[in-house]
Amino acid sequence: MQRDILGSSAEEAHALLALASLKGVGYWTLFKLKREGISARSILELSDGKEVTTTLTRLGAKIGASGGDWADASRRALERAHRVFDQMENEGIRIVFPDSPAYPKSLLALDDPPAWLFVRGEASVLSEPSITAVGTRNPSPDGEWLSKFVGINFADWKAVTVSGLAAGMDQAVHNLSIRMGVPTIAVLGTGIKTEYPKGSGRIADMIVSEGGAIVTEYLPNDSYSGENFVRRNRLQAALGKVLIPIEWSPKSGTAHTVNYAATLSRPIAALRVTDWPDGRVVLPRNAHSNSRIFTIPRDQDRFFEFVQKALAEPLRTREIQPNLI
């Protein structure tokens, strides 16, 4: 099959949504398609249904033979896509491809950067210097106190914040960001039209109305899964110039974000309170040489300066990979 250059055009966005509407075609099939440098638009333009079936099934789709019906099937898929696209536009949702100016270059530090992003809200904040702050869904009283301490500093750091919209620490980060008047980004492990956790829609609306953004690489109605959330955490780590894990356990989602940040050489500012045992907060062995554990409130000045310095440092990225454009 002839490879096609992927663009950020509305045609490619429509084609992506059209293929996503086909039964048996999901996120992974489309992600692999893009990784091979094949545009969704070029699949829709094929006249041979058997070639379509062969290509998509090779990439994991579970579809039957299209045969001579592909022209009609692709037409109907595009009609569905146009309706979905128009609805998303009305809801302030856009699709951003890696060659778009709105695509955050910080994600290019990943070995597997998203082949597209669904963004609701102000896409430009994705490229602003930002702080990723995450933590447990079930914070202790100490953890709640630490989250408030971190949040109060947002006003002086004057940087965009990144978290995951999960109950507990993540929602506290978003709420404190809004309170301090800084934009905040929620990175989802679901599709952008899926409300998870239940009741998070109110916070999501506030994030958007206050100049922030909701972002995900998953297809609009994709549900949640453990794998999705683990992969989501790599985006949280990559978007921030510094990571603040507020309270977490060694086998939690936050631990995945910490490990991704270490792999990406992002500075990590881990927190503990004075009477926590030494083994409660441990950084990965491959953590950035400038990563630190800060005891709060004893180290509060050094913690503030550490984050401020990290925000001023250049961020390591890569050139856009040819198979993503």
C-alpha atoms as a PDB file:
ATOM      1  CA  MET A   1       0.000   0.000   0.000  1.00  0.00           C
ATOM      2  CA  GLN A   2       1.294   3.463  -0.826  1.00  0.00           C
ATOM      3  CA  ARG A   3       2.084   5.468   2.274  1.00  0.00           C
ATOM      4  CA  ASP A   4       0.389   8.835   2.651  1.00  0.00           C
ATOM      5  CA  ILE A   5       1.602  11.942   4.478  1.00  0.00           C
ATOM      6  CA  LEU A   6      -0.610  12.588   7.493  1.00  0.00           C
ATOM      7  CA  GLY A   7      -1.882  16.098   7.929  1.00  0.00           C
ATOM      8  CA  SER A   8      -3.904  18.014  10.467  1.00  0.00           C
ATOM      9  CA  SER A   9      -6.614  18.682   7.900  1.00  0.00           C
ATOM     10  CA  ALA A  10     -10.292  18.277   8.566  1.00  0.00           C
ATOM     11  CA  GLU A  11     -10.300  15.526   5.903  1.00  0.00           C
ATOM     12  CA  GLU A  12      -7.906  13.372   7.921  1.00  0.00           C
ATOM     13  CA  ALA A  13      -9.866  14.020  11.105  1.00  0.00           C
ATOM     14  CA  HIS A  14     -13.085  12.974   9.371  1.00  0.00           C
ATOM     15  CA  ALA A  15     -11.394   9.866   7.989  1.00  0.00           C
ATOM     16  CA  LEU A  16     -10.073   8.902  11.437  1.00  0.00           C
ATOM     17  CA  LEU A  17     -13.562   9.201  12.926  1.00  0.00           C
ATOM     18  CA  ALA A  18     -15.015   7.264   9.992  1.00  0.00           C
ATOM     19  CA  LEU A  19     -12.689   4.304  10.518  1.00  0.00           C
ATOM     20  CA  ALA A  20     -13.310   4.472  14.260  1.00  0.00           C
ATOM     21  CA  SER A  21     -17.041   4.080  13.572  1.00  0.00           C
ATOM     22  CA  LEU A  22     -16.499   0.699  11.905  1.00  0.00           C
ATOM     23  CA  LYS A  23     -17.387  -2.289  14.052  1.00  0.00           C
ATOM     24  CA  GLY A  24     -14.220  -4.072  15.135  1.00  0.00           C
ATOM     25  CA  VAL A  25     -11.894  -1.101  14.544  1.00  0.00           C
ATOM     26  CA  GLY A  26     -10.576   0.499  17.709  1.00  0.00           C
ATOM     27  CA  TYR A  27      -7.835   2.659  19.134  1.00  0.00           C
ATOM     28  CA  TRP A  28      -4.996   0.175  18.715  1.00  0.00           C
ATOM     29  CA  THR A  29      -5.761  -0.575  15.072  1.00  0.00           C
ATOM     30  CA  LEU A  30      -5.775   3.121  14.217  1.00  0.00           C
ATOM     31  CA  PHE A  31      -2.691   3.843  16.323  1.00  0.00           C
ATOM     32  CA  LYS A  32      -0.749   1.111  14.496  1.00  0.00           C
ATOM     33  CA  LEU A  33      -2.040   2.410  11.166  1.00  0.00           C
ATOM     34  CA  LYS A  34      -0.581   5.828  11.915  1.00  0.00           C
ATOM     35  CA  ARG A  35       2.672   4.336  13.169  1.00  0.00           C
ATOM     36  CA  GLU A  36       3.082   2.673   9.784  1.00  0.00           C
ATOM     37  CA  GLY A  37       2.667   6.050   8.105  1.00  0.00           C
ATOM     38  CA  ILE A  38      -0.702   5.218   6.550  1.00  0.00           C
ATOM     39  CA  SER A  39      -3.352   7.904   6.692  1.00  0.00           C
ATOM     40  CA  ALA A  40      -6.944   7.112   7.540  1.00  0.00           C
ATOM     41  CA  ARG A  41      -7.926   9.068   4.445  1.00  0.00           C
ATOM     42  CA  SER A  42      -5.967   6.723   2.158  1.00  0.00           C
ATOM     43  CA  ILE A  43      -7.836   3.705   3.581  1.00  0.00           C
ATOM     44  CA  LEU A  44     -11.200   5.288   2.831  1.00  0.00           C
ATOM     45  CA  GLU A  45     -10.114   6.086  -0.717  1.00  0.00           C
ATOM     46  CA  LEU A  46      -9.245   2.469  -1.555  1.00  0.00           C
ATOM     47  CA  SER A  47     -11.529   0.765  -4.051  1.00  0.00           C
ATOM     48  CA  ASP A  48     -10.590  -2.803  -3.109  1.00  0.00           C
ATOM     49  CA  GLY A  49     -12.516  -3.949  -0.027  1.00  0.00           C
ATOM     50  CA  LYS A  50     -10.310  -7.014   0.340  1.00  0.00           C
ATOM     51  CA  GLU A  51      -7.232  -4.802   0.645  1.00  0.00           C
ATOM     52  CA  VAL A  52      -8.990  -2.749   3.321  1.00  0.00           C
ATOM     53  CA  THR A  53      -9.886  -5.896   5.252  1.00  0.00           C
ATOM     54  CA  THR A  54      -6.385  -7.319   4.931  1.00  0.00           C
ATOM     55  CA  THR A  55      -4.755  -4.092   6.124  1.00  0.00           C
ATOM     56  CA  LEU A  56      -7.059  -3.492   9.076  1.00  0.00           C
ATOM     57  CA  THR A  57      -7.125  -7.097  10.281  1.00  0.00           C
ATOM     58  CA  ARG A  58      -3.324  -7.251  10.096  1.00  0.00           C
ATOM     59  CA  LEU A  59      -3.317  -4.319  12.518  1.00  0.00           C
ATOM     60  CA  GLY A  60      -5.697  -5.985  14.946  1.00  0.00           C
ATOM     61  CA  ALA A  61      -9.177  -5.100  13.713  1.00  0.00           C
ATOM     62  CA  LYS A  62     -11.868  -7.748  13.987  1.00  0.00           C
ATOM     63  CA  ILE A  63     -13.901  -7.185  10.836  1.00  0.00           C
ATOM     64  CA  GLY A  64     -15.375  -9.379   8.118  1.00  0.00           C
ATOM     65  CA  ALA A  65     -14.543  -9.210   4.431  1.00  0.00           C
ATOM     66  CA  SER A  66     -15.697  -5.978   2.795  1.00  0.00           C
ATOM     67  CA  GLY A  67     -15.539  -7.222  -0.774  1.00  0.00           C
ATOM     68  CA  GLY A  68     -17.268  -5.014  -3.307  1.00  0.00           C
ATOM     69  CA  ASP A  69     -19.298  -3.242  -0.600  1.00  0.00           C
ATOM     70  CA  TRP A  70     -16.401  -1.111   0.623  1.00  0.00           C
ATOM     71  CA  ALA A  71     -17.328   1.983  -1.424  1.00  0.00           C
ATOM     72  CA  ASP A  72     -20.781   2.052   0.164  1.00  0.00           C
ATOM     73  CA  ALA A  73     -19.446   1.164   3.636  1.00  0.00           C
ATOM     74  CA  SER A  74     -16.851   3.940   3.511  1.00  0.00           C
ATOM     75  CA  ARG A  75     -19.468   6.460   2.326  1.00  0.00           C
ATOM     76  CA  ARG A  76     -21.745   5.621   5.249  1.00  0.00           C
ATOM     77  CA  ALA A  77     -18.795   5.729   7.660  1.00  0.00           C
ATOM     78  CA  LEU A  78     -17.911   9.212   6.431  1.00  0.00           C
ATOM     79  CA  GLU A  79     -21.487  10.356   6.895  1.00  0.00           C
ATOM     80  CA  ARG A  80     -21.345   9.181  10.506  1.00  0.00           C
ATOM     81  CA  ALA A  81     -17.978  10.888  10.937  1.00  0.00           C
ATOM     82  CA  HIS A  82     -19.300  14.218   9.660  1.00  0.00           C
ATOM     83  CA  ARG A  83     -22.079  14.118  12.244  1.00  0.00           C
ATOM     84  CA  VAL A  84     -19.644  13.290  15.064  1.00  0.00           C
ATOM     85  CA  PHE A  85     -17.173  15.939  13.890  1.00  0.00           C
ATOM     86  CA  ASP A  86     -19.855  18.633  13.799  1.00  0.00           C
ATOM     87  CA  GLN A  87     -21.050  17.663  17.262  1.00  0.00           C
ATOM     88  CA  MET A  88     -17.503  17.799  18.634  1.00  0.00           C
ATOM     89  CA  GLU A  89     -16.964  21.224  17.082  1.00  0.00           C
ATOM     90  CA  ASN A  90     -20.115  22.439  18.798  1.00  0.00           C
ATOM     91  CA  GLU A  91     -18.718  21.119  22.088  1.00  0.00           C
ATOM     92  CA  GLY A  92     -15.352  22.817  21.561  1.00  0.00           C
ATOM     93  CA  ILE A  93     -13.464  19.595  20.834  1.00  0.00           C
ATOM     94  CA  ARG A  94     -10.788  19.425  18.153  1.00  0.00           C
ATOM     95  CA  ILE A  95      -8.445  16.732  16.832  1.00  0.00           C
ATOM     96  CA  VAL A  96      -4.759  17.653  16.790  1.00  0.00           C
ATOM     97  CA  PHE A  97      -2.162  15.717  14.768  1.00  0.00           C
ATOM     98  CA  PRO A  98       1.623  15.782  15.382  1.00  0.00           C
ATOM     99  CA  ASP A  99       2.307  18.214  12.527  1.00  0.00           C
ATOM    100  CA  SER A 100      -0.101  20.794  13.951  1.00  0.00           C
ATOM    101  CA  PRO A 101       1.301  23.850  15.787  1.00  0.00           C
ATOM    102  CA  ALA A 102      -1.118  22.976  18.599  1.00  0.00           C
ATOM    103  CA  TYR A 103       0.485  19.572  19.194  1.00  0.00           C
ATOM    104  CA  PRO A 104       2.690  19.811  22.336  1.00  0.00           C
ATOM    105  CA  LYS A 105       6.296  19.096  21.379  1.00  0.00           C
ATOM    106  CA  SER A 106       6.980  17.829  24.915  1.00  0.00           C
ATOM    107  CA  LEU A 107       5.177  14.601  23.958  1.00  0.00           C
ATOM    108  CA  LEU A 108       7.810  13.913  21.300  1.00  0.00           C
ATOM    109  CA  ALA A 109      10.174  12.865  24.083  1.00  0.00           C
ATOM    110  CA  LEU A 110       8.107   9.664  24.351  1.00  0.00           C
ATOM    111  CA  ASP A 111       9.034   6.496  22.491  1.00  0.00           C
ATOM    112  CA  ASP A 112       5.390   6.201  21.474  1.00  0.00           C
ATOM    113  CA  PRO A 113       3.908   9.712  21.286  1.00  0.00           C
ATOM    114  CA  PRO A 114       0.183   9.967  20.550  1.00  0.00           C
ATOM    115  CA  ALA A 115      -0.679   9.783  16.852  1.00  0.00           C
ATOM    116  CA  TRP A 116      -3.477  12.297  17.538  1.00  0.00           C
ATOM    117  CA  LEU A 117      -5.014  14.148  20.459  1.00  0.00           C
ATOM    118  CA  PHE A 118      -8.618  15.035  21.186  1.00  0.00           C
ATOM    119  CA  VAL A 119      -8.589  18.423  22.926  1.00  0.00           C
ATOM    120  CA  ARG A 120     -11.430  20.306  24.557  1.00  0.00           C
ATOM    121  CA  GLY A 121     -10.679  23.827  25.668  1.00  0.00           C
ATOM    122  CA  GLU A 122      -7.594  25.972  25.093  1.00  0.00           C
ATOM    123  CA  ALA A 123      -5.125  23.842  23.119  1.00  0.00           C
ATOM    124  CA  SER A 124      -2.308  26.384  23.460  1.00  0.00           C
ATOM    125  CA  VAL A 125      -1.874  25.612  27.177  1.00  0.00           C
ATOM    126  CA  LEU A 126      -0.556  22.159  26.214  1.00  0.00           C
ATOM    127  CA  SER A 127       2.660  23.822  25.048  1.00  0.00           C
ATOM    128  CA  GLU A 128       3.113  26.146  28.032  1.00  0.00           C
ATOM    129  CA  PRO A 129       5.706  25.400  30.758  1.00  0.00           C
ATOM    130  CA  SER A 130       3.797  23.223  33.178  1.00  0.00           C
ATOM    131  CA  ILE A 131       3.912  21.368  36.475  1.00  0.00           C
ATOM    132  CA  THR A 132       2.534  17.846  36.709  1.00  0.00           C
ATOM    133  CA  ALA A 133       1.115  17.147  40.164  1.00  0.00           C
ATOM    134  CA  VAL A 134      -0.533  13.808  40.905  1.00  0.00           C
ATOM    135  CA  GLY A 135      -1.305  11.527  43.819  1.00  0.00           C
ATOM    136  CA  THR A 136      -3.477   8.874  45.391  1.00  0.00           C
ATOM    137  CA  ARG A 137      -7.239   8.608  44.986  1.00  0.00           C
ATOM    138  CA  ASN A 138      -7.499   8.051  48.751  1.00  0.00           C
ATOM    139  CA  PRO A 139      -5.286  10.645  50.422  1.00  0.00           C
ATOM    140  CA  SER A 140      -4.488  10.564  54.112  1.00  0.00           C
ATOM    141  CA  PRO A 141      -4.976  13.724  56.184  1.00  0.00           C
ATOM    142  CA  ASP A 142      -1.256  14.383  55.671  1.00  0.00           C
ATOM    143  CA  GLY A 143      -1.669  13.961  51.916  1.00  0.00           C
ATOM    144  CA  GLU A 144      -4.605  16.369  51.848  1.00  0.00           C
ATOM    145  CA  TRP A 145      -2.494  18.903  53.742  1.00  0.00           C
ATOM    146  CA  LEU A 146       0.404  18.460  51.297  1.00  0.00           C
ATOM    147  CA  SER A 147      -1.910  18.930  48.308  1.00  0.00           C
ATOM    148  CA  LYS A 148      -3.158  22.226  49.740  1.00  0.00           C
ATOM    149  CA  PHE A 149       0.429  23.325  50.422  1.00  0.00           C
ATOM    150  CA  VAL A 150       1.411  22.562  46.821  1.00  0.00           C
ATOM    151  CA  GLY A 151      -1.715  24.216  45.455  1.00  0.00           C
ATOM    152  CA  ILE A 152      -1.166  27.464  47.320  1.00  0.00           C
ATOM    153  CA  ASN A 153       2.207  27.772  45.540  1.00  0.00           C
ATOM    154  CA  PHE A 154       0.598  27.592  42.080  1.00  0.00           C
ATOM    155  CA  ALA A 155      -0.186  31.301  42.201  1.00  0.00           C
ATOM    156  CA  ASP A 156       3.509  32.208  42.575  1.00  0.00           C
ATOM    157  CA  TRP A 157       4.907  29.637  40.148  1.00  0.00           C
ATOM    158  CA  LYS A 158       2.450  30.983  37.549  1.00  0.00           C
ATOM    159  CA  ALA A 159       2.698  27.792  35.488  1.00  0.00           C
ATOM    160  CA  VAL A 160       0.041  25.609  33.913  1.00  0.00           C
ATOM    161  CA  THR A 161      -0.663  22.469  35.940  1.00  0.00           C
ATOM    162  CA  VAL A 162      -1.251  18.922  34.721  1.00  0.00           C
ATOM    163  CA  SER A 163      -3.149  16.136  36.471  1.00  0.00           C
ATOM    164  CA  GLY A 164      -5.510  13.289  35.689  1.00  0.00           C
ATOM    165  CA  LEU A 165      -9.038  14.292  36.852  1.00  0.00           C
ATOM    166  CA  ALA A 166      -9.173  11.218  39.105  1.00  0.00           C
ATOM    167  CA  ALA A 167     -10.900  11.450  42.475  1.00  0.00           C
ATOM    168  CA  GLY A 168      -8.666  12.464  45.365  1.00  0.00           C
ATOM    169  CA  MET A 169      -5.378  14.226  44.723  1.00  0.00           C
ATOM    170  CA  ASP A 170      -5.860  14.858  40.996  1.00  0.00           C
ATOM    171  CA  GLN A 171      -9.144  16.687  41.432  1.00  0.00           C
ATOM    172  CA  ALA A 172      -7.637  18.621  44.334  1.00  0.00           C
ATOM    173  CA  VAL A 173      -4.840  19.791  41.997  1.00  0.00           C
ATOM    174  CA  HIS A 174      -7.351  20.950  39.388  1.00  0.00           C
ATOM    175  CA  ASN A 175      -9.535  22.720  41.940  1.00  0.00           C
ATOM    176  CA  LEU A 176      -6.589  24.458  43.614  1.00  0.00           C
ATOM    177  CA  SER A 177      -5.249  25.539  40.214  1.00  0.00           C
ATOM    178  CA  ILE A 178      -8.570  27.165  39.387  1.00  0.00           C
ATOM    179  CA  ARG A 179      -8.649  28.780  42.819  1.00  0.00           C
ATOM    180  CA  MET A 180      -5.132  30.188  42.282  1.00  0.00           C
ATOM    181  CA  GLY A 181      -6.019  31.496  38.824  1.00  0.00           C
ATOM    182  CA  VAL A 182      -3.734  29.269  36.733  1.00  0.00           C
ATOM    183  CA  PRO A 183      -4.889  27.123  33.791  1.00  0.00           C
ATOM    184  CA  THR A 184      -4.937  23.383  34.395  1.00  0.00           C
ATOM    185  CA  ILE A 185      -4.862  20.390  32.053  1.00  0.00           C
ATOM    186  CA  ALA A 186      -6.741  17.145  32.716  1.00  0.00           C
ATOM    187  CA  VAL A 187      -5.280  14.133  30.896  1.00  0.00           C
ATOM    188  CA  LEU A 188      -7.886  11.399  30.498  1.00  0.00           C
ATOM    189  CA  GLY A 189      -7.538   7.633  30.358  1.00  0.00           C
ATOM    190  CA  THR A 190     -10.876   7.446  28.520  1.00  0.00           C
ATOM    191  CA  GLY A 191     -12.476   9.006  25.473  1.00  0.00           C
ATOM    192  CA  ILE A 192     -13.221  12.711  25.695  1.00  0.00           C
ATOM    193  CA  LYS A 193     -17.000  12.104  25.700  1.00  0.00           C
ATOM    194  CA  THR A 194     -16.813   9.548  28.528  1.00  0.00           C
ATOM    195  CA  GLU A 195     -17.394  10.980  32.011  1.00  0.00           C
ATOM    196  CA  TYR A 196     -14.987   9.207  34.333  1.00  0.00           C
ATOM    197  CA  PRO A 197     -15.058   9.221  37.238  1.00  0.00           C
ATOM    198  CA  LYS A 198     -18.778   9.828  37.509  1.00  0.00           C
ATOM    199  CA  GLY A 199     -19.489  13.367  38.604  1.00  0.00           C
ATOM    200  CA  SER A 200     -16.250  14.772  37.183  1.00  0.00           C
ATOM    201  CA  GLY A 201     -18.106  16.662  34.452  1.00  0.00           C
ATOM    202  CA  ARG A 202     -18.525  19.725  36.667  1.00  0.00           C
ATOM    203  CA  ILE A 203     -14.766  20.016  37.269  1.00  0.00           C
ATOM    204  CA  ALA A 204     -14.067  19.383  33.577  1.00  0.00           C
ATOM    205  CA  ASP A 205     -16.409  22.235  32.624  1.00  0.00           C
ATOM    206  CA  MET A 206     -14.671  24.545  35.121  1.00  0.00           C
ATOM    207  CA  ILE A 207     -11.245  23.604  33.752  1.00  0.00           C
ATOM    208  CA  VAL A 208     -12.338  24.603  30.253  1.00  0.00           C
ATOM    209  CA  SER A 209     -14.154  27.772  31.301  1.00  0.00           C
ATOM    210  CA  GLU A 210     -11.070  28.944  33.229  1.00  0.00           C
ATOM    211  CA  GLY A 211      -8.724  28.637  30.248  1.00  0.00           C
ATOM    212  CA  GLY A 212      -7.498  25.078  30.697  1.00  0.00           C
ATOM    213  CA  ALA A 213      -7.904  21.951  28.591  1.00  0.00           C
ATOM    214  CA  ILE A 214      -9.119  18.376  28.637  1.00  0.00           C
ATOM    215  CA  VAL A 215      -6.955  16.064  26.523  1.00  0.00           C
ATOM    216  CA  THR A 216      -6.857  12.389  25.567  1.00  0.00           C
ATOM    217  CA  GLU A 217      -5.502  10.160  22.830  1.00  0.00           C
ATOM    218  CA  TYR A 218      -8.404   7.701  23.099  1.00  0.00           C
ATOM    219  CA  LEU A 219     -11.364   7.628  20.751  1.00  0.00           C
ATOM    220  CA  PRO A 220     -14.343   9.779  21.803  1.00  0.00           C
ATOM    221  CA  ASN A 221     -16.481   7.107  23.483  1.00  0.00           C
ATOM    222  CA  ASP A 222     -13.717   4.779  24.689  1.00  0.00           C
ATOM    223  CA  SER A 223     -14.279   3.453  28.202  1.00  0.00           C
ATOM    224  CA  TYR A 224     -11.684   3.070  30.948  1.00  0.00           C
ATOM    225  CA  SER A 225      -9.245   0.211  31.474  1.00  0.00           C
ATOM    226  CA  GLY A 226      -6.135  -0.417  33.523  1.00  0.00           C
ATOM    227  CA  GLU A 227      -3.986  -0.329  30.388  1.00  0.00           C
ATOM    228  CA  ASN A 228      -5.501   2.976  29.278  1.00  0.00           C
ATOM    229  CA  PHE A 229      -4.694   4.632  32.596  1.00  0.00           C
ATOM    230  CA  VAL A 230      -1.115   3.354  32.621  1.00  0.00           C
ATOM    231  CA  ARG A 231      -0.581   4.765  29.118  1.00  0.00           C
ATOM    232  CA  ARG A 232      -2.321   7.987  30.129  1.00  0.00           C
ATOM    233  CA  ASN A 233       0.302   8.429  32.844  1.00  0.00           C
ATOM    234  CA  ARG A 234       3.109   8.684  30.287  1.00  0.00           C
ATOM    235  CA  LEU A 235       1.386  11.777  28.839  1.00  0.00           C
ATOM    236  CA  GLN A 236       1.119  13.370  32.281  1.00  0.00           C
ATOM    237  CA  ALA A 237       4.835  12.822  32.855  1.00  0.00           C
ATOM    238  CA  ALA A 238       5.829  14.121  29.408  1.00  0.00           C
ATOM    239  CA  LEU A 239       3.701  17.282  29.481  1.00  0.00           C
ATOM    240  CA  GLY A 240       5.239  18.627  32.689  1.00  0.00           C
ATOM    241  CA  LYS A 241       8.691  20.181  33.029  1.00  0.00           C
ATOM    242  CA  VAL A 242       8.709  18.916  36.608  1.00  0.00           C
ATOM    243  CA  LEU A 243       6.717  16.248  38.447  1.00  0.00           C
ATOM    244  CA  ILE A 244       5.368  16.640  41.986  1.00  0.00           C
ATOM    245  CA  PRO A 245       4.059  13.298  43.281  1.00  0.00           C
ATOM    246  CA  ILE A 246       2.207  14.341  46.421  1.00  0.00           C
ATOM    247  CA  GLU A 247       1.288  11.020  48.059  1.00  0.00           C
ATOM    248  CA  TRP A 248       1.450   7.574  46.483  1.00  0.00           C
ATOM    249  CA  SER A 249       2.126   3.883  46.996  1.00  0.00           C
ATOM    250  CA  PRO A 250       4.749   1.825  45.096  1.00  0.00           C
ATOM    251  CA  LYS A 251       2.158  -0.034  42.978  1.00  0.00           C
ATOM    252  CA  SER A 252      -0.182   2.836  42.145  1.00  0.00           C
ATOM    253  CA  GLY A 253      -0.957   4.835  39.030  1.00  0.00           C
ATOM    254  CA  THR A 254       1.094   7.671  40.473  1.00  0.00           C
ATOM    255  CA  ALA A 255       4.054   5.293  40.680  1.00  0.00           C
ATOM    256  CA  HIS A 256       3.717   4.728  36.924  1.00  0.00           C
ATOM    257  CA  THR A 257       3.812   8.497  36.362  1.00  0.00           C
ATOM    258  CA  VAL A 258       6.911   8.752  38.585  1.00  0.00           C
ATOM    259  CA  ASN A 259       8.636   5.983  36.613  1.00  0.00           C
ATOM    260  CA  TYR A 260       7.754   7.598  33.279  1.00  0.00           C
ATOM    261  CA  ALA A 261       9.121  10.924  34.520  1.00  0.00           C
ATOM    262  CA  ALA A 262      12.352   9.208  35.558  1.00  0.00           C
ATOM    263  CA  THR A 263      12.685   7.575  32.134  1.00  0.00           C
ATOM    264  CA  LEU A 264      12.114  10.960  30.477  1.00  0.00           C
ATOM    265  CA  SER A 265      14.699  12.647  32.744  1.00  0.00           C
ATOM    266  CA  ARG A 266      12.082  14.994  34.149  1.00  0.00           C
ATOM    267  CA  PRO A 267      13.025  16.450  37.557  1.00  0.00           C
ATOM    268  CA  ILE A 268      10.914  14.973  40.353  1.00  0.00           C
ATOM    269  CA  ALA A 269      10.094  16.849  43.560  1.00  0.00           C
ATOM    270  CA  ALA A 270       8.708  14.183  45.888  1.00  0.00           C
ATOM    271  CA  LEU A 271       7.159  15.247  49.187  1.00  0.00           C
ATOM    272  CA  ARG A 272       6.956  13.885  52.695  1.00  0.00           C
ATOM    273  CA  VAL A 273       5.983  15.286  56.066  1.00  0.00           C
ATOM    274  CA  THR A 274       8.324  15.408  59.023  1.00  0.00           C
ATOM    275  CA  ASP A 275       7.282  12.222  60.821  1.00  0.00           C
ATOM    276  CA  TRP A 276       6.890   9.909  57.797  1.00  0.00           C
ATOM    277  CA  PRO A 277       9.317   6.977  57.886  1.00  0.00           C
ATOM    278  CA  ASP A 278      12.227   7.231  55.439  1.00  0.00           C
ATOM    279  CA  GLY A 279      11.046   4.301  53.320  1.00  0.00           C
ATOM    280  CA  ARG A 280       7.612   5.770  52.654  1.00  0.00           C
ATOM    281  CA  VAL A 281       8.852   8.005  49.806  1.00  0.00           C
ATOM    282  CA  VAL A 282      11.471   6.474  47.499  1.00  0.00           C
ATOM    283  CA  LEU A 283      12.543   7.747  44.071  1.00  0.00           C
ATOM    284  CA  PRO A 284      13.252   5.348  41.185  1.00  0.00           C
ATOM    285  CA  ARG A 285      16.898   4.411  40.715  1.00  0.00           C
ATOM    286  CA  ASN A 286      16.925   6.002  37.269  1.00  0.00           C
ATOM    287  CA  ALA A 287      15.447   9.285  38.482  1.00  0.00           C
ATOM    288  CA  HIS A 288      16.912  12.512  37.083  1.00  0.00           C
ATOM    289  CA  SER A 289      20.080  13.442  38.994  1.00  0.00           C
ATOM    290  CA  ASN A 290      18.387  16.656  40.051  1.00  0.00           C
ATOM    291  CA  SER A 291      15.363  14.899  41.598  1.00  0.00           C
ATOM    292  CA  ARG A 292      14.848  15.334  45.323  1.00  0.00           C
ATOM    293  CA  ILE A 293      12.686  14.341  48.268  1.00  0.00           C
ATOM    294  CA  PHE A 294      11.567  17.368  50.273  1.00  0.00           C
ATOM    295  CA  THR A 295      10.346  17.297  53.862  1.00  0.00           C
ATOM    296  CA  ILE A 296       7.551  19.818  54.312  1.00  0.00           C
ATOM    297  CA  PRO A 297       7.462  22.355  55.930  1.00  0.00           C
ATOM    298  CA  ARG A 298      11.181  22.112  56.787  1.00  0.00           C
ATOM    299  CA  ASP A 299      12.322  22.210  53.134  1.00  0.00           C
ATOM    300  CA  GLN A 300       9.590  24.468  51.787  1.00  0.00           C
ATOM    301  CA  ASP A 301      11.933  27.195  50.495  1.00  0.00           C
ATOM    302  CA  ARG A 302      14.204  24.698  48.737  1.00  0.00           C
ATOM    303  CA  PHE A 303      11.161  22.947  47.289  1.00  0.00           C
ATOM    304  CA  PHE A 304       9.774  26.207  45.886  1.00  0.00           C
ATOM    305  CA  GLU A 305      13.126  27.132  44.316  1.00  0.00           C
ATOM    306  CA  PHE A 306      13.574  23.611  42.887  1.00  0.00           C
ATOM    307  CA  VAL A 307      10.271  23.808  41.007  1.00  0.00           C
ATOM    308  CA  GLN A 308      10.943  27.365  39.872  1.00  0.00           C
ATOM    309  CA  LYS A 309      14.349  26.363  38.473  1.00  0.00           C
ATOM    310  CA  ALA A 310      12.915  23.294  36.706  1.00  0.00           C
ATOM    311  CA  LEU A 311      10.318  25.484  34.981  1.00  0.00           C
ATOM    312  CA  ALA A 312      13.094  27.694  33.616  1.00  0.00           C
ATOM    313  CA  GLU A 313      15.153  24.825  32.179  1.00  0.00           C
ATOM    314  CA  PRO A 314      14.831  23.820  28.488  1.00  0.00           C
ATOM    315  CA  LEU A 315      12.740  20.719  27.909  1.00  0.00           C
ATOM    316  CA  ARG A 316      14.183  17.699  26.134  1.00  0.00           C
ATOM    317  CA  THR A 317      12.192  16.753  23.027  1.00  0.00           C
ATOM    318  CA  ARG A 318      12.744  15.012  19.708  1.00  0.00           C
ATOM    319  CA  GLU A 319      12.025  15.836  16.125  1.00  0.00           C
ATOM    320  CA  ILE A 320       8.620  14.723  14.861  1.00  0.00           C
ATOM    321  CA  GLN A 321       8.969  11.111  13.780  1.00  0.00           C
ATOM    322  CA  PRO A 322       8.410  10.649  10.015  1.00  0.00           C
ATOM    323  CA  ASN A 323       5.846   7.891  10.595  1.00  0.00           C
ATOM    324  CA  LEU A 324       3.670  10.284  12.610  1.00  0.00           C
ATOM    325  CA  ILE A 325       3.363  13.055  10.022  1.00  0.00           C
END
